[in-house]
Protein backbone atom coordinates (compact mmCIF):
# COMPACT_ATOMS: atom_id res chain seq x y z
CA MET A 1 -56.03 108.65 147.17
CA ILE A 2 -53.32 109.41 149.74
CA ALA A 3 -52.33 106.50 151.96
CA ALA A 4 -52.32 107.10 155.70
CA ALA A 5 -49.33 109.09 156.93
CA LEU A 6 -46.85 107.63 159.38
CA PRO A 7 -46.33 109.22 162.81
CA PRO A 8 -43.95 112.22 162.85
CA VAL A 9 -40.36 111.39 161.94
CA SER A 10 -37.86 111.18 164.79
CA SER A 11 -36.04 114.37 165.72
CA LEU A 12 -32.35 115.21 165.46
CA GLU A 13 -31.93 113.46 168.79
CA GLY A 14 -32.42 110.16 166.98
CA CYS A 15 -29.79 110.75 164.30
CA VAL A 16 -26.85 108.41 163.79
CA TYR A 17 -24.12 110.98 164.46
CA ASN A 18 -22.85 112.33 167.74
CA GLN A 19 -24.42 115.74 168.31
CA ASP A 20 -20.98 117.38 168.23
CA ASP A 21 -20.35 115.97 164.73
CA ILE A 22 -23.55 117.27 163.15
CA PRO A 23 -22.90 120.16 160.78
CA SER A 24 -25.62 122.70 160.07
CA LEU A 25 -25.10 123.50 156.40
CA ALA A 26 -27.21 126.64 156.56
CA ASN A 27 -29.80 128.24 158.81
CA LEU A 28 -32.57 129.67 156.61
CA GLY A 29 -35.26 131.36 158.63
CA GLN A 30 -37.14 128.65 160.54
CA TYR A 31 -35.21 125.87 158.79
CA ALA A 32 -31.78 124.30 159.25
CA MET A 33 -30.21 122.25 156.48
CA TYR A 34 -28.19 119.08 157.13
CA PRO A 35 -26.49 116.24 155.20
CA MET A 36 -28.96 113.38 154.82
CA GLU A 37 -26.51 110.79 156.10
CA ILE A 38 -26.64 112.08 159.68
CA PHE A 39 -30.13 110.56 159.80
CA ALA A 40 -30.87 106.84 159.98
CA GLU A 41 -32.26 105.10 156.92
CA ASP A 42 -35.59 104.51 158.67
CA GLN A 43 -35.97 108.20 159.55
CA VAL A 44 -35.45 109.30 155.97
CA ALA A 45 -37.60 106.51 154.52
CA ARG A 46 -40.53 107.46 156.75
CA LEU A 47 -40.22 111.13 155.82
CA PHE A 48 -40.15 110.16 152.14
CA CYS A 49 -43.31 108.07 152.63
CA ASN A 50 -45.15 111.05 154.12
CA ILE A 51 -44.12 113.33 151.24
CA CYS A 52 -43.98 111.27 148.07
CA GLN A 53 -47.63 110.58 147.21
CA ARG A 54 -48.90 114.14 146.79
CA GLY A 55 -49.63 114.75 143.13
CA ASN A 56 -47.73 111.68 141.98
CA PRO A 57 -50.16 109.29 140.25
CA VAL A 58 -47.84 106.28 140.32
CA LEU A 59 -47.36 106.49 144.11
CA GLN A 60 -50.76 107.58 145.39
CA GLY A 61 -52.55 105.00 147.50
CA ARG A 62 -49.69 102.47 147.56
CA PRO A 63 -49.16 100.49 150.77
CA VAL A 64 -47.27 102.46 153.39
CA ALA A 65 -44.77 99.63 153.92
CA ASP A 66 -43.97 99.62 150.19
CA LEU A 67 -43.43 103.39 150.12
CA VAL A 68 -41.12 103.14 153.12
CA LEU A 69 -39.18 100.44 151.26
CA LEU A 70 -38.87 102.78 148.27
CA GLY A 71 -37.60 105.45 150.64
CA ARG A 72 -34.97 103.02 151.89
CA ALA A 73 -33.86 102.34 148.33
CA MET A 74 -33.67 106.09 147.66
CA TYR A 75 -31.59 106.60 150.79
CA ARG A 76 -29.13 103.86 149.81
CA LYS A 77 -28.83 105.21 146.29
CA ALA A 78 -28.14 108.74 147.51
CA LYS A 79 -25.64 107.54 150.09
CA VAL A 80 -23.16 106.50 147.37
CA LEU A 81 -22.32 110.10 146.40
CA ARG A 82 -23.35 111.32 149.88
CA LEU A 83 -24.92 114.52 148.57
CA GLY A 84 -28.43 114.01 149.94
CA GLN A 85 -29.74 116.80 152.16
CA VAL A 86 -32.55 117.26 154.67
CA ALA A 87 -34.29 120.39 155.97
CA VAL A 88 -35.19 120.45 159.65
CA HIS A 89 -37.84 122.56 161.40
CA LYS A 90 -37.78 122.73 165.22
CA GLY A 91 -35.73 119.55 165.31
CA GLU A 92 -37.99 117.56 162.94
CA PRO A 93 -36.95 116.62 159.36
CA VAL A 94 -39.48 118.11 156.91
CA ALA A 95 -37.88 118.15 153.43
CA LEU A 96 -35.31 116.12 151.54
CA CYS A 97 -33.39 115.67 148.30
CA PHE A 98 -31.99 112.42 146.86
CA SER A 99 -29.44 112.50 144.01
CA TRP A 100 -27.02 110.08 142.35
CA ASP A 101 -24.98 109.29 139.25
CA VAL A 102 -27.16 108.29 136.27
CA ALA A 103 -24.58 105.60 135.51
CA ALA A 104 -25.61 103.89 138.76
CA GLY A 105 -29.02 103.12 137.22
CA GLY A 106 -32.51 103.23 138.66
CA VAL A 107 -33.44 103.38 142.31
CA TRP A 108 -33.68 99.62 142.93
CA LYS A 109 -30.42 98.67 141.21
CA ASP A 110 -27.80 97.50 143.73
CA SER A 111 -30.00 98.63 146.64
CA GLY A 112 -30.17 95.13 148.11
CA LEU A 113 -33.95 95.52 148.25
CA GLU A 114 -36.68 93.86 146.19
CA MET A 115 -39.21 96.11 144.47
CA PRO A 116 -42.77 95.49 145.74
CA ALA A 117 -45.34 94.55 143.10
CA SER A 118 -47.42 97.62 143.99
CA LEU A 119 -44.64 99.86 142.69
CA ALA A 120 -44.39 98.27 139.24
CA ALA A 121 -46.00 101.28 137.54
CA HIS A 122 -43.56 103.62 139.28
CA ALA A 123 -40.67 101.44 138.13
CA ALA A 124 -41.97 101.32 134.54
CA VAL A 125 -42.19 105.12 134.40
CA GLY A 126 -38.67 105.46 135.80
CA LYS A 127 -37.32 102.91 133.32
CA ALA A 128 -38.93 104.77 130.41
CA ALA A 129 -37.49 108.07 131.65
CA PHE A 130 -33.96 106.68 131.85
CA GLU A 131 -34.27 104.98 128.45
CA SER A 132 -35.36 108.27 126.84
CA LEU A 133 -32.15 109.98 127.99
CA ASN A 134 -29.31 110.46 125.51
CA MET A 135 -26.30 111.17 127.70
CA ARG A 136 -23.56 113.52 126.49
CA GLY A 137 -21.14 112.86 129.34
CA GLU A 138 -21.17 112.16 133.06
CA THR A 139 -24.69 112.93 134.22
CA PHE A 140 -26.02 113.79 137.66
CA PHE A 141 -29.57 112.72 138.54
CA THR A 142 -31.85 114.60 140.90
CA GLY A 143 -33.94 111.60 141.87
CA PHE A 144 -36.46 113.12 144.27
CA ILE A 145 -37.06 116.40 146.06
CA GLY A 146 -40.00 116.88 148.40
CA VAL A 147 -41.35 119.07 151.19
CA LEU A 148 -43.78 117.93 153.88
CA PRO A 149 -46.90 120.16 153.95
CA PRO A 150 -47.47 122.74 155.27
CA HIS A 151 -43.79 123.68 155.19
CA ASP A 152 -42.37 126.24 152.78
CA GLY A 153 -42.06 124.98 149.19
CA VAL A 154 -39.04 127.24 148.70
CA LEU A 155 -37.04 124.51 150.43
CA SER A 156 -37.36 122.37 147.29
CA GLY A 157 -35.64 125.14 145.32
CA TYR A 158 -32.75 125.44 147.75
CA LEU A 159 -32.28 121.66 147.77
CA ALA A 160 -32.41 121.38 143.98
CA VAL A 161 -29.94 124.18 143.31
CA ALA A 162 -27.54 123.00 146.02
CA SER A 163 -27.56 119.51 144.50
CA PHE A 164 -26.76 120.94 141.05
CA MET A 165 -23.92 122.97 142.52
CA MET A 166 -22.43 119.93 144.25
CA GLY A 167 -22.78 117.84 141.10
CA HIS A 168 -20.91 120.54 139.17
CA GLN A 169 -18.14 120.60 141.78
CA LEU A 170 -17.78 116.83 141.53
CA GLY A 171 -17.20 117.07 137.78
CA PHE A 172 -20.55 116.09 136.29
CA GLN A 173 -21.28 117.67 132.90
CA ASP A 174 -25.09 117.54 132.91
CA ALA A 175 -28.00 117.20 135.29
CA PHE A 176 -31.01 115.01 134.49
CA GLN A 177 -34.39 115.41 136.15
CA TYR A 178 -38.02 114.65 135.45
CA THR A 179 -41.41 115.27 136.99
CA LEU A 180 -44.88 113.79 136.81
CA LEU A 181 -46.39 116.73 138.68
CA PRO A 182 -48.44 119.07 136.47
CA THR A 183 -48.30 121.86 139.08
CA PHE A 184 -44.68 122.60 138.14
CA LEU A 185 -45.54 122.91 134.46
CA LYS A 186 -48.38 125.36 135.09
CA ARG A 187 -46.12 127.88 136.81
CA GLY A 188 -44.78 130.61 134.58
CA GLY A 189 -41.01 130.46 134.19
CA SER A 190 -40.65 126.95 135.61
CA VAL A 191 -37.35 125.13 135.13
CA PHE A 192 -39.42 122.37 133.51
CA GLY A 193 -40.46 124.64 130.65
CA LYS A 194 -38.54 124.90 127.40
CA PHE A 195 -35.87 127.61 127.41
CA GLY A 196 -32.23 128.00 126.41
CA SER A 197 -30.50 126.23 123.54
CA GLU A 198 -30.54 122.46 123.09
CA ASP A 199 -26.90 122.34 124.19
CA ASP A 200 -27.75 124.22 127.37
CA ASN A 201 -31.11 122.76 128.29
CA MET A 202 -32.91 119.95 126.49
CA ASN A 203 -36.56 119.38 127.36
CA TRP A 204 -38.82 116.54 126.22
CA ASN A 205 -41.89 114.51 127.18
CA VAL A 206 -42.84 110.85 127.43
CA ARG A 207 -46.57 110.13 127.52
CA PHE A 208 -47.94 107.44 129.80
CA ALA A 209 -49.62 105.96 126.73
CA GLU A 210 -46.17 105.35 125.21
CA ILE A 211 -44.98 103.69 128.41
CA ALA A 212 -48.10 101.51 128.58
CA ALA A 213 -47.51 100.36 125.00
CA ASN A 214 -44.10 99.02 126.04
CA THR A 215 -45.31 97.41 129.27
CA GLU A 216 -47.21 94.16 129.69
CA GLY A 217 -50.24 92.97 131.62
CA ALA A 218 -52.09 94.75 134.39
CA VAL A 219 -49.30 97.31 134.85
CA SER A 220 -49.78 98.44 131.25
CA ASP A 221 -53.51 98.89 131.83
CA GLU A 222 -52.88 100.79 135.05
CA ILE A 223 -50.46 103.24 133.41
CA ARG A 224 -52.74 103.76 130.40
CA GLU A 225 -55.68 104.61 132.66
CA MET A 226 -53.64 107.30 134.43
CA ASP A 227 -53.22 109.17 131.14
CA GLY A 228 -50.28 111.17 132.46
CA ASN A 229 -47.09 112.70 131.13
CA VAL A 230 -43.45 112.68 132.14
CA ASN A 231 -41.64 115.98 131.59
CA LEU A 232 -37.86 115.57 131.40
CA SER A 233 -34.85 117.83 131.09
CA LEU A 234 -31.11 117.48 130.57
CA THR A 235 -29.28 120.63 131.61
CA SER A 236 -25.65 121.61 131.27
CA LEU A 237 -24.40 122.27 134.78
CA ASN A 238 -22.29 125.15 133.51
CA TYR A 239 -25.49 126.70 132.19
CA ALA A 240 -27.41 125.88 135.37
CA LEU A 241 -25.01 127.99 137.41
CA GLY A 242 -25.68 131.01 135.18
CA ASP A 243 -28.31 133.69 135.59
CA GLU A 244 -30.90 132.44 133.08
CA TRP A 245 -31.38 128.99 134.60
CA MET A 246 -31.01 130.36 138.14
CA ALA A 247 -33.76 132.93 137.48
CA ARG A 248 -36.06 130.10 136.32
CA ALA A 249 -35.22 128.08 139.41
CA ALA A 250 -36.11 131.09 141.57
CA MET A 251 -39.42 131.64 139.76
CA THR A 252 -40.33 127.96 140.15
CA VAL A 253 -40.46 128.44 143.93
CA ARG A 254 -41.78 132.02 143.67
CA LEU A 255 -38.59 133.88 144.55
CA GLN A 256 -38.07 137.22 142.85
CA THR A 257 -34.37 137.17 141.92
CA PRO A 258 -31.69 134.58 141.09
CA GLU A 259 -29.61 135.62 144.09
CA LEU A 260 -32.40 134.74 146.51
CA ILE A 261 -31.99 131.10 145.55
CA ARG A 262 -28.31 131.12 144.58
CA GLN A 263 -26.88 132.40 147.86
CA PRO A 264 -28.59 129.95 150.27
CA ALA A 265 -27.94 127.03 147.92
CA GLN A 266 -24.27 127.96 147.53
CA LEU A 267 -23.86 128.06 151.31
CA MET A 268 -25.47 124.63 151.60
CA ALA A 269 -23.34 123.15 148.82
CA THR A 270 -20.03 124.63 149.99
CA ASN A 271 -20.50 123.61 153.61
CA HIS A 272 -21.63 120.11 152.62
CA LEU A 273 -18.60 119.44 150.40
CA ASN A 274 -16.23 120.91 152.98
CA TRP A 275 -17.73 118.65 155.63
CA LEU A 276 -17.23 115.59 153.42
CA LYS A 277 -13.58 116.50 152.91
CA ARG A 278 -13.02 116.63 156.67
CA GLN A 279 -14.29 113.11 157.31
CA THR A 280 -11.71 110.46 158.19
CA PRO A 281 -11.07 107.34 156.07
CA SER A 282 -11.78 105.19 159.14
CA LYS A 283 -15.41 106.29 158.89
CA ASN A 284 -15.42 105.49 155.18
CA MET A 285 -16.41 109.10 154.58
CA ILE A 286 -14.12 110.08 151.70
CA SER A 287 -15.65 110.34 148.24
CA SER A 288 -13.37 109.44 145.33
CA ARG A 289 -14.54 112.57 143.54
CA LEU A 290 -13.58 115.03 146.28
């Protein structure tokens, strides 16, 4: 069951930056891409709430206020590295990507927010995913990517690849991601399938039944009843920038060639990092990695 959607998210006119300071990272057909931080936390959290439930069994039907709170935690987590991005259509935000350093922990850690009880199953799945990861070095986490229907799902591909490119530029060795959505796994050539060597691209699964066995009380019962699966991958970012992974990323969002996803994502990543470098210390806008 999908909880009721919030009213449309505020337009660019409500963003927290002066209009003259807002950089368009790329204009892709009907969509313009922007750094997430130009939007207020509430704007991004509400957009997340309207996107996040579709196909995700541990978020469907949760109270709207709790999903907005999760969106706030995601926003704060992503704001540390400042690599989050948002796609805008006719002035309205319609897609987003949160990412952060795995070493910073799960979404609620150091967010200053308290996890609602209704999201305990979501937290248990995330905890199990992180605990199943064997890190090989500094690891970049793509925490959430989503597109508001009926907008073009290709936006998720651009956002994902741009985030990987920025993580690579900031010196991360690997990228970690996982999905609970079976639709990705059913697509031929998906990045969530098994391909490449173990050094290049590890892929594994954690069953909900395993998570339930290590969780107590009603939350354990809830997870067991869902009977789902978490599909996870750890990908070398050097490999991800090559043709094999890029071709898979393109196929995941139904693009025909690697360049059709590489070129827009590279423009987004390059312009985003260049914008961060131009920010003044007085605005606290300099990343220690840049």
